[in-house]
Amino acid sequence: MKLRNTERTQRTAATLLNALIILVLTVYFRFVWNDFYARYVYYFFKGNILYVVMYAVLLVIFNKVYGGFNLGFASTSDLIFSQLISLLFANAIIFFQVILVRKHLLPVTRTFEYLLVDIIITVVLNVLFNKVFYSYFPPKPTLMVYEQEDQSIYERILKYQDNSYEIKKTEPFDEFDKREKDLDQYQCVVGVGLRPEQKEILVKTCYERKKSVYLVPDVYDVIVNSGKSVYLIDTPVFKTNNFGPSQLEKIVKRIWDIFFALVLLIITSPILLVTAIAIKAQDGGPVFYKQTRLTQYGRPFSIIKFRSMKIDAEKDGVARLASEHDDRITRVGRFIRACRIDELPQLINILNGDMSVVGPRPERPELIEKILEDVPEFNYRLIVKAGLTGYAQVYGKYNTKLKDKLLFDMIYIENFSLLLDLRIMFKTFKILFMKESTEGVSDEKKK
């Protein structure tokens, strides 16, 4: 039996299945609370129920942050990974909260046993529900329309989606404009590299025929999309002037940066020491690597990183991004890059005020000069301070195309909030375990 594969029906089904997962995990936590936690802390009935409700709320919050509810859009493996991280945080918060009340350490082994059952439940339910979901909602027949063909977009849709969309055909916009009636055989349309007037025609046509539209944006789209409706006259008016954080937000952000950098330096000090010894022991070269980068308003500063490349990595004087299987990277360097340990010394840059915890990643001046030749708007990202992590890092990858990185950074700048900063910091934890987020840049992806 197939249900009508509309976006609204699909979202409703996904919401119900996600709610069922939360319900099952919450019911199991109720058992865990009675069987384990209740032995160490005593509450009346309402107090016990409050903890169970709190656990469910934590699961919902963290799944929202990590994309654990993206059934129908994300792959099964990504959903499982996102929900497992959410489980880890929710259980950790409850565990430490009980410790603070009891003031004694709980049996860690038992905690891990319960967590293991949680993991099994999550994996089994996701595999089962994904099969059920896609049996009722098969891949949507999709048409890709382009002005300037971008094969990488096509390849990435095929690579990162999981049974959600099936691209039946790709065609230039002129062909689509001539044969609008053929749209009836598709449920979704993806627009790539279209001019503003073409986007208007595509959206209008699809809206009239009740077809979903996915547009790959340009900088103009990102800026306009962040605008707000105002009522100056008797017609809708869009206002776009979000240009990053306000002065008060900058002050709060700076206080948070200092606090975070100090705490993380203390926590990671053993890792910093071991890494420094390993780098020194490998080839006797310097432990740190300093390089000129650009931060807010194009101001140059010296970024500090653990050295991950050979001493003479750029002896030819040519600045270039690390590529896939780059032979300039040392054995220790390959490990610390994969674990992001090479970035930890940048906490000193944050304390110095050159960087923030969250913001666009800083680039080298000579690389930016080359980038501006292909992407003139790239300097827009210098409206805010450079960051240790950023929107482009949690939603993109190291080898994401430069134009796409700019779009991610512009979304962050135009939609800035301290809550968004916090969300990006939590999502950064997830990408630490994703190998593809540290892949090198191939030549075709640099533009």
Protein backbone atom coordinates (compact mmCIF):
# COMPACT_ATOMS: atom_id res chain seq x y z
CA MET A 1 0.00 0.00 0.00
CA LYS A 2 1.38 3.41 -1.01
CA LEU A 3 0.31 6.64 0.62
CA ARG A 4 0.04 9.82 -1.35
CA ASN A 5 3.62 11.06 -1.30
CA THR A 6 3.04 14.71 -0.47
CA GLU A 7 5.39 16.81 1.67
CA ARG A 8 2.71 17.36 4.31
CA THR A 9 1.78 13.67 4.59
CA GLN A 10 5.44 12.72 4.71
CA ARG A 11 6.21 15.26 7.46
CA THR A 12 3.24 14.02 9.51
CA ALA A 13 4.37 10.40 9.22
CA ALA A 14 7.97 11.34 10.09
CA THR A 15 6.79 13.32 13.13
CA LEU A 16 4.73 10.37 14.39
CA LEU A 17 7.61 7.92 13.97
CA ASN A 18 10.05 10.31 15.69
CA ALA A 19 7.58 10.78 18.53
CA LEU A 20 7.28 7.02 18.88
CA ILE A 21 11.07 6.69 19.23
CA ILE A 22 11.10 9.35 21.96
CA LEU A 23 8.16 7.64 23.68
CA VAL A 24 9.86 4.21 23.70
CA LEU A 25 13.14 5.66 25.02
CA THR A 26 11.26 7.63 27.68
CA VAL A 27 9.31 4.56 28.82
CA TYR A 28 12.58 2.67 29.09
CA PHE A 29 14.11 5.54 31.07
CA ARG A 30 11.15 5.33 33.45
CA PHE A 31 12.18 1.72 34.11
CA VAL A 32 15.84 2.75 34.52
CA TRP A 33 14.86 5.47 36.97
CA ASN A 34 12.84 3.09 39.14
CA ASP A 35 15.39 0.29 38.90
CA PHE A 36 18.56 2.36 39.33
CA TYR A 37 18.41 6.09 40.05
CA ALA A 38 15.57 5.86 42.59
CA ARG A 39 17.85 3.81 44.84
CA TYR A 40 20.14 6.78 45.30
CA VAL A 41 17.77 9.75 45.33
CA TYR A 42 14.33 9.87 46.90
CA TYR A 43 11.47 11.92 45.50
CA PHE A 44 7.73 11.82 45.88
CA PHE A 45 5.75 10.64 42.86
CA LYS A 46 5.65 14.03 41.11
CA GLY A 47 9.40 14.46 41.53
CA ASN A 48 10.09 11.14 39.80
CA ILE A 49 7.73 12.02 36.97
CA LEU A 50 9.47 15.38 36.58
CA TYR A 51 12.79 13.64 35.90
CA VAL A 52 11.17 11.40 33.29
CA VAL A 53 9.60 14.43 31.57
CA MET A 54 12.93 16.27 31.77
CA TYR A 55 14.63 13.31 30.06
CA ALA A 56 12.10 13.36 27.21
CA VAL A 57 12.53 17.12 26.78
CA LEU A 58 16.33 16.73 26.66
CA LEU A 59 16.01 14.06 23.98
CA VAL A 60 13.80 16.34 21.89
CA ILE A 61 16.12 19.34 22.28
CA PHE A 62 19.31 17.47 21.38
CA ASN A 63 17.66 15.65 18.48
CA LYS A 64 16.55 19.02 17.16
CA VAL A 65 20.13 20.31 17.43
CA TYR A 66 21.80 17.28 15.86
CA GLY A 67 19.21 16.53 13.18
CA GLY A 68 17.93 13.31 14.71
CA PHE A 69 14.41 14.07 13.47
CA ASN A 70 15.35 14.47 9.79
CA LEU A 71 13.63 11.27 8.69
CA GLY A 72 12.96 11.56 4.97
CA PHE A 73 15.94 13.83 4.37
CA ALA A 74 18.98 12.33 6.11
CA SER A 75 20.45 8.87 5.64
CA THR A 76 19.64 6.11 8.13
CA SER A 77 23.23 6.04 9.40
CA ASP A 78 23.22 9.80 9.98
CA LEU A 79 19.92 9.62 11.85
CA ILE A 80 21.24 6.87 14.09
CA PHE A 81 24.47 8.78 14.72
CA SER A 82 22.58 11.98 15.56
CA GLN A 83 20.21 10.20 17.93
CA LEU A 84 23.04 8.37 19.68
CA ILE A 85 24.79 11.68 20.41
CA SER A 86 21.48 13.03 21.72
CA LEU A 87 21.14 9.97 23.95
CA LEU A 88 24.66 10.48 25.27
CA PHE A 89 24.02 14.10 26.25
CA ALA A 90 20.57 13.45 27.74
CA ASN A 91 21.80 10.54 29.88
CA ALA A 92 24.95 12.42 30.92
CA ILE A 93 22.92 15.40 32.14
CA ILE A 94 20.58 13.20 34.20
CA PHE A 95 23.55 11.21 35.55
CA PHE A 96 25.49 14.28 36.72
CA GLN A 97 22.36 15.94 38.06
CA VAL A 98 21.69 12.94 40.30
CA ILE A 99 25.35 12.96 41.40
CA LEU A 100 25.04 16.62 42.42
CA VAL A 101 21.96 15.84 44.50
CA ARG A 102 23.41 12.71 46.07
CA LYS A 103 26.99 14.04 46.33
CA HIS A 104 28.39 10.55 45.66
CA LEU A 105 29.47 8.82 42.47
CA LEU A 106 27.01 6.29 41.06
CA PRO A 107 28.07 2.87 39.72
CA VAL A 108 29.37 3.77 36.24
CA THR A 109 29.20 0.17 34.97
CA ARG A 110 25.45 -0.04 35.50
CA THR A 111 25.01 3.30 33.78
CA PHE A 112 26.82 2.04 30.70
CA GLU A 113 24.73 -1.14 30.69
CA TYR A 114 21.53 0.91 30.56
CA LEU A 115 23.04 3.16 27.91
CA LEU A 116 23.93 0.11 25.80
CA VAL A 117 20.27 -0.97 25.86
CA ASP A 118 19.33 2.59 24.83
CA ILE A 119 21.69 2.32 21.88
CA ILE A 120 20.25 -1.04 20.79
CA ILE A 121 16.71 0.32 20.99
CA THR A 122 17.67 3.40 18.96
CA VAL A 123 19.43 1.43 16.21
CA VAL A 124 16.66 -1.19 15.90
CA LEU A 125 13.84 1.38 15.83
CA ASN A 126 15.63 3.57 13.26
CA VAL A 127 16.34 0.67 10.91
CA LEU A 128 12.77 -0.60 11.27
CA PHE A 129 11.08 2.79 10.96
CA ASN A 130 13.20 3.83 7.98
CA LYS A 131 12.20 0.68 6.13
CA VAL A 132 8.54 1.27 6.98
CA PHE A 133 8.76 4.95 6.05
CA TYR A 134 10.35 4.39 2.64
CA SER A 135 8.02 1.48 1.84
CA TYR A 136 5.09 3.91 2.12
CA PHE A 137 6.98 6.94 0.81
CA PRO A 138 9.20 5.82 -2.07
CA PRO A 139 11.78 8.20 -3.57
CA LYS A 140 10.22 11.28 -5.09
CA PRO A 141 10.66 11.60 -8.88
CA THR A 142 12.77 14.74 -9.19
CA LEU A 143 13.69 17.07 -12.04
CA MET A 144 16.88 19.14 -11.93
CA VAL A 145 16.75 22.42 -13.86
CA TYR A 146 19.89 24.47 -14.44
CA GLU A 147 21.20 27.54 -16.23
CA GLN A 148 24.85 26.75 -15.58
CA GLU A 149 25.19 23.00 -15.17
CA ASP A 150 26.90 21.96 -11.93
CA GLN A 151 27.60 18.24 -11.98
CA SER A 152 28.83 18.32 -8.38
CA ILE A 153 25.34 19.28 -7.14
CA TYR A 154 23.88 16.24 -8.88
CA GLU A 155 26.58 13.97 -7.47
CA ARG A 156 26.19 15.31 -3.93
CA ILE A 157 22.41 14.83 -3.96
CA LEU A 158 22.92 11.22 -5.00
CA LYS A 159 25.65 10.70 -2.39
CA TYR A 160 24.13 12.27 0.70
CA GLN A 161 20.41 11.56 0.39
CA ASP A 162 19.04 8.15 1.29
CA ASN A 163 16.06 6.96 -0.79
CA SER A 164 14.36 10.37 -0.51
CA TYR A 165 14.75 11.75 -4.02
CA GLU A 166 15.34 10.13 -7.37
CA ILE A 167 16.60 12.51 -10.04
CA LYS A 168 14.88 11.29 -13.18
CA LYS A 169 16.15 14.00 -15.49
CA THR A 170 18.39 17.08 -15.71
CA GLU A 171 17.74 19.76 -18.29
CA PRO A 172 18.61 23.42 -19.01
CA PHE A 173 16.05 26.03 -17.98
CA ASP A 174 15.17 26.90 -21.60
CA GLU A 175 13.99 23.34 -22.17
CA PHE A 176 11.93 23.38 -18.97
CA ASP A 177 10.33 26.72 -19.93
CA LYS A 178 9.19 25.30 -23.27
CA ARG A 179 7.64 22.15 -21.85
CA GLU A 180 5.99 23.06 -18.56
CA LYS A 181 3.32 20.37 -18.98
CA ASP A 182 5.98 17.66 -18.53
CA LEU A 183 6.26 18.77 -14.90
CA ASP A 184 3.29 16.57 -13.98
CA GLN A 185 5.47 13.45 -13.89
CA TYR A 186 7.70 14.90 -11.13
CA GLN A 187 7.06 15.69 -7.48
CA CYS A 188 10.11 17.86 -6.84
CA VAL A 189 12.21 20.29 -8.85
CA VAL A 190 15.78 21.32 -8.00
CA GLY A 191 16.95 24.64 -9.46
CA VAL A 192 20.71 25.13 -9.89
CA GLY A 193 22.57 28.27 -11.00
CA LEU A 194 19.43 30.08 -12.14
CA ARG A 195 19.10 33.82 -12.74
CA PRO A 196 16.55 35.77 -10.62
CA GLU A 197 13.96 35.95 -13.40
CA GLN A 198 14.32 32.20 -14.00
CA LYS A 199 13.84 31.44 -10.31
CA GLU A 200 10.66 33.53 -10.36
CA ILE A 201 9.25 31.56 -13.30
CA LEU A 202 10.27 28.21 -11.77
CA VAL A 203 8.76 28.95 -8.35
CA LYS A 204 5.54 30.36 -9.85
CA THR A 205 5.12 27.35 -12.13
CA CYS A 206 5.79 24.80 -9.38
CA TYR A 207 3.56 26.63 -6.89
CA GLU A 208 0.64 26.54 -9.31
CA ARG A 209 1.16 22.81 -9.86
CA LYS A 210 1.81 22.03 -6.18
CA LYS A 211 5.36 20.81 -6.72
CA SER A 212 8.12 21.18 -4.13
CA VAL A 213 11.01 23.41 -5.19
CA TYR A 214 14.60 23.30 -3.94
CA LEU A 215 16.73 26.24 -5.02
CA VAL A 216 20.50 26.34 -4.68
CA PRO A 217 20.91 29.96 -3.48
CA ASP A 218 23.36 32.73 -4.28
CA VAL A 219 24.48 35.49 -1.90
CA TYR A 220 21.51 37.68 -2.87
CA ASP A 221 19.07 34.90 -1.90
CA VAL A 222 20.73 34.42 1.50
CA ILE A 223 20.59 38.13 2.33
CA VAL A 224 16.97 38.55 1.24
CA ASN A 225 15.90 35.35 3.00
CA SER A 226 17.17 36.78 6.31
CA GLY A 227 15.06 39.92 5.91
CA LYS A 228 12.07 40.85 8.04
CA SER A 229 8.62 42.03 7.04
CA VAL A 230 7.91 45.65 7.94
CA TYR A 231 4.87 47.80 7.29
CA LEU A 232 5.94 51.23 6.07
CA ILE A 233 3.11 51.60 3.57
CA ASP A 234 0.07 49.63 2.48
CA THR A 235 2.12 46.93 0.78
CA PRO A 236 4.52 44.29 2.19
CA VAL A 237 8.12 45.57 2.53
CA PHE A 238 11.21 43.49 3.18
CA LYS A 239 13.97 44.96 5.33
CA THR A 240 17.51 43.51 5.17
CA ASN A 241 20.10 45.06 7.46
CA ASN A 242 21.22 42.34 9.84
CA PHE A 243 25.01 42.84 9.30
CA GLY A 244 26.08 40.58 12.17
CA PRO A 245 25.87 40.95 15.97
CA SER A 246 24.84 44.15 17.75
CA GLN A 247 27.24 45.95 20.11
CA LEU A 248 25.64 44.34 23.18
CA GLU A 249 25.80 40.89 21.56
CA LYS A 250 29.49 41.48 20.76
CA ILE A 251 30.19 42.19 24.45
CA VAL A 252 28.35 39.06 25.62
CA LYS A 253 30.01 37.02 22.88
CA ARG A 254 33.47 38.26 23.95
CA ILE A 255 32.85 37.38 27.61
CA TRP A 256 31.72 33.92 26.56
CA ASP A 257 34.77 33.50 24.29
CA ILE A 258 37.17 34.24 27.16
CA PHE A 259 35.35 31.90 29.56
CA PHE A 260 35.15 29.06 27.02
CA ALA A 261 38.81 29.38 25.95
CA LEU A 262 40.09 29.35 29.53
CA VAL A 263 37.98 26.35 30.55
CA LEU A 264 38.85 24.35 27.43
CA LEU A 265 42.58 25.11 27.78
CA ILE A 266 42.50 23.72 31.32
CA ILE A 267 40.50 20.62 30.34
CA THR A 268 42.64 19.80 27.30
CA SER A 269 46.03 20.62 28.85
CA PRO A 270 47.05 16.90 29.06
CA ILE A 271 46.19 16.46 25.35
CA LEU A 272 48.14 19.59 24.47
CA LEU A 273 51.21 18.30 26.33
CA VAL A 274 51.13 14.82 24.76
CA THR A 275 50.62 16.29 21.27
CA ALA A 276 53.55 18.67 21.69
CA ILE A 277 55.83 15.80 22.76
CA ALA A 278 54.68 13.62 19.82
CA ILE A 279 55.32 16.35 17.23
CA LYS A 280 58.75 17.14 18.66
CA ALA A 281 59.72 13.47 18.83
CA GLN A 282 58.73 12.79 15.22
CA ASP A 283 61.19 15.06 13.41
CA GLY A 284 62.61 17.45 15.99
CA GLY A 285 60.92 20.42 14.35
CA PRO A 286 58.87 23.18 15.94
CA VAL A 287 55.72 22.17 17.78
CA PHE A 288 53.60 25.13 16.71
CA TYR A 289 52.93 26.56 13.30
CA LYS A 290 52.10 30.22 12.85
CA GLN A 291 50.56 31.65 9.75
CA THR A 292 49.07 35.00 8.75
CA ARG A 293 45.28 34.89 8.41
CA LEU A 294 42.57 37.53 8.10
CA THR A 295 39.92 38.21 10.71
CA GLN A 296 37.21 40.89 11.09
CA TYR A 297 37.41 43.76 8.55
CA GLY A 298 40.41 42.08 6.90
CA ARG A 299 42.77 42.60 9.85
CA PRO A 300 45.77 40.22 9.66
CA PHE A 301 46.82 38.13 12.67
CA SER A 302 49.06 35.13 13.35
CA ILE A 303 47.02 31.98 13.79
CA ILE A 304 48.54 29.32 16.07
CA LYS A 305 48.19 25.63 15.27
CA PHE A 306 50.00 22.43 16.09
CA ARG A 307 52.30 21.68 13.16
CA SER A 308 50.77 18.86 11.12
CA MET A 309 52.93 19.16 7.98
CA LYS A 310 56.58 18.67 7.21
CA ILE A 311 58.92 21.54 8.05
CA ASP A 312 59.47 22.41 4.37
CA ALA A 313 55.83 21.89 3.32
CA GLU A 314 55.72 25.21 1.41
CA LYS A 315 59.37 25.64 0.51
CA ASP A 316 58.32 26.70 -3.01
CA GLY A 317 56.50 29.70 -1.48
CA VAL A 318 53.16 28.74 -3.02
CA ALA A 319 50.13 28.88 -0.69
CA ARG A 320 47.65 26.07 -1.24
CA LEU A 321 44.97 24.17 0.67
CA ALA A 322 45.64 20.66 1.90
CA SER A 323 44.54 18.14 -0.70
CA GLU A 324 43.39 14.55 -0.50
CA HIS A 325 46.29 12.21 0.39
CA ASP A 326 48.58 15.25 0.77
CA ASP A 327 52.13 13.92 1.18
CA ARG A 328 53.13 17.07 3.09
CA ILE A 329 51.16 15.88 6.14
CA THR A 330 53.16 13.91 8.73
CA ARG A 331 51.94 10.73 10.45
CA VAL A 332 51.28 12.58 13.70
CA GLY A 333 49.78 15.43 11.68
CA ARG A 334 47.30 13.13 9.96
CA PHE A 335 46.03 11.92 13.33
CA ILE A 336 45.74 15.32 15.00
CA ARG A 337 44.02 16.76 11.94
CA ALA A 338 41.48 13.92 11.93
CA CYS A 339 40.74 14.55 15.63
CA ARG A 340 40.89 18.38 15.27
CA ILE A 341 43.63 18.49 17.92
CA ASP A 342 45.78 20.70 15.65
CA GLU A 343 43.20 23.47 16.10
CA LEU A 344 43.34 23.60 19.92
CA PRO A 345 46.17 26.21 20.17
CA GLN A 346 43.77 28.66 18.54
CA LEU A 347 42.21 29.01 21.98
CA ILE A 348 45.14 31.40 22.58
CA ASN A 349 44.02 33.42 19.54
CA ILE A 350 40.54 33.58 21.10
CA LEU A 351 41.97 34.90 24.39
CA ASN A 352 43.96 37.49 22.43
CA GLY A 353 40.76 38.70 20.76
CA ASP A 354 41.83 37.77 17.23
CA MET A 355 39.21 35.04 16.94
CA SER A 356 35.88 34.01 18.39
CA VAL A 357 34.63 30.54 19.28
CA VAL A 358 32.10 30.69 16.45
CA GLY A 359 32.62 32.50 13.16
CA PRO A 360 33.88 32.00 9.60
CA ARG A 361 37.16 30.11 9.42
CA PRO A 362 40.08 32.52 8.71
CA GLU A 363 41.82 32.32 5.34
CA ARG A 364 45.30 33.38 4.22
CA PRO A 365 45.58 36.78 2.47
CA GLU A 366 47.22 35.31 -0.63
CA LEU A 367 44.49 32.65 -0.93
CA ILE A 368 41.74 35.24 -0.52
CA GLU A 369 43.24 37.25 -3.40
CA LYS A 370 42.86 34.21 -5.64
CA ILE A 371 39.41 33.39 -4.29
CA LEU A 372 38.11 36.91 -4.97
CA GLU A 373 38.86 36.45 -8.67
CA ASP A 374 36.21 33.70 -8.82
CA VAL A 375 33.97 34.68 -5.88
CA PRO A 376 34.03 38.52 -5.51
CA GLU A 377 31.62 38.43 -2.54
CA PHE A 378 33.99 36.30 -0.43
CA ASN A 379 35.03 39.34 1.61
CA TYR A 380 31.47 39.64 2.97
CA ARG A 381 32.38 36.99 5.55
CA LEU A 382 34.88 39.42 7.12
CA ILE A 383 32.02 41.39 8.70
CA VAL A 384 32.53 39.28 11.86
CA LYS A 385 35.55 37.81 13.64
CA ALA A 386 37.04 34.58 12.40
CA GLY A 387 36.04 31.53 14.45
CA LEU A 388 37.40 28.26 15.79
CA THR A 389 34.27 26.60 14.44
CA GLY A 390 31.46 27.91 12.28
CA TYR A 391 28.31 27.34 10.28
CA ALA A 392 30.29 26.17 7.25
CA GLN A 393 32.16 23.65 9.40
CA VAL A 394 29.11 21.97 10.94
CA TYR A 395 26.96 21.95 7.79
CA GLY A 396 29.74 21.65 5.23
CA LYS A 397 33.10 19.92 5.15
CA TYR A 398 36.75 20.86 4.78
CA ASN A 399 36.53 20.21 1.04
CA THR A 400 33.22 22.05 0.54
CA LYS A 401 33.47 24.42 -2.43
CA LEU A 402 34.53 27.97 -1.52
CA LYS A 403 31.33 29.50 -2.89
CA ASP A 404 29.26 27.12 -0.76
CA LYS A 405 31.34 27.99 2.31
CA LEU A 406 30.60 31.65 1.65
CA LEU A 407 26.86 30.92 1.51
CA PHE A 408 27.03 29.03 4.82
CA ASP A 409 28.97 31.88 6.45
CA MET A 410 26.52 34.46 5.12
CA ILE A 411 23.59 32.47 6.57
CA TYR A 412 25.36 32.62 9.94
CA ILE A 413 26.10 36.34 9.72
CA GLU A 414 22.63 37.32 8.55
CA ASN A 415 20.89 35.15 11.13
CA PHE A 416 23.29 35.75 14.01
CA SER A 417 22.14 35.07 17.56
CA LEU A 418 23.84 33.83 20.71
CA LEU A 419 21.50 30.84 20.61
CA LEU A 420 22.75 30.02 17.10
CA ASP A 421 26.33 30.18 18.42
CA LEU A 422 25.42 27.69 21.13
CA ARG A 423 23.77 25.39 18.60
CA ILE A 424 26.85 25.44 16.35
CA MET A 425 29.08 24.61 19.30
CA PHE A 426 26.96 21.57 20.13
CA LYS A 427 26.92 20.46 16.49
CA THR A 428 30.71 20.77 16.37
CA PHE A 429 30.85 17.83 18.78
CA LYS A 430 29.16 15.69 16.14
CA ILE A 431 31.53 16.50 13.27
CA LEU A 432 34.55 15.53 15.39
CA PHE A 433 33.55 11.93 14.67
CA MET A 434 32.79 12.36 10.97
CA LYS A 435 35.72 11.41 8.74
CA GLU A 436 34.36 13.21 5.66
CA SER A 437 34.46 16.55 7.48
CA THR A 438 38.29 16.50 7.35
CA GLU A 439 38.75 15.29 3.78
CA GLY A 440 41.23 17.23 1.71
CA VAL A 441 40.32 19.49 -1.19
CA SER A 442 40.43 18.09 -4.70
CA ASP A 443 41.22 20.48 -7.51
CA GLU A 444 37.69 20.60 -8.85
CA LYS A 445 36.26 21.58 -5.47
CA LYS A 446 38.44 24.59 -4.82
CA LYS A 447 36.30 26.98 -6.84
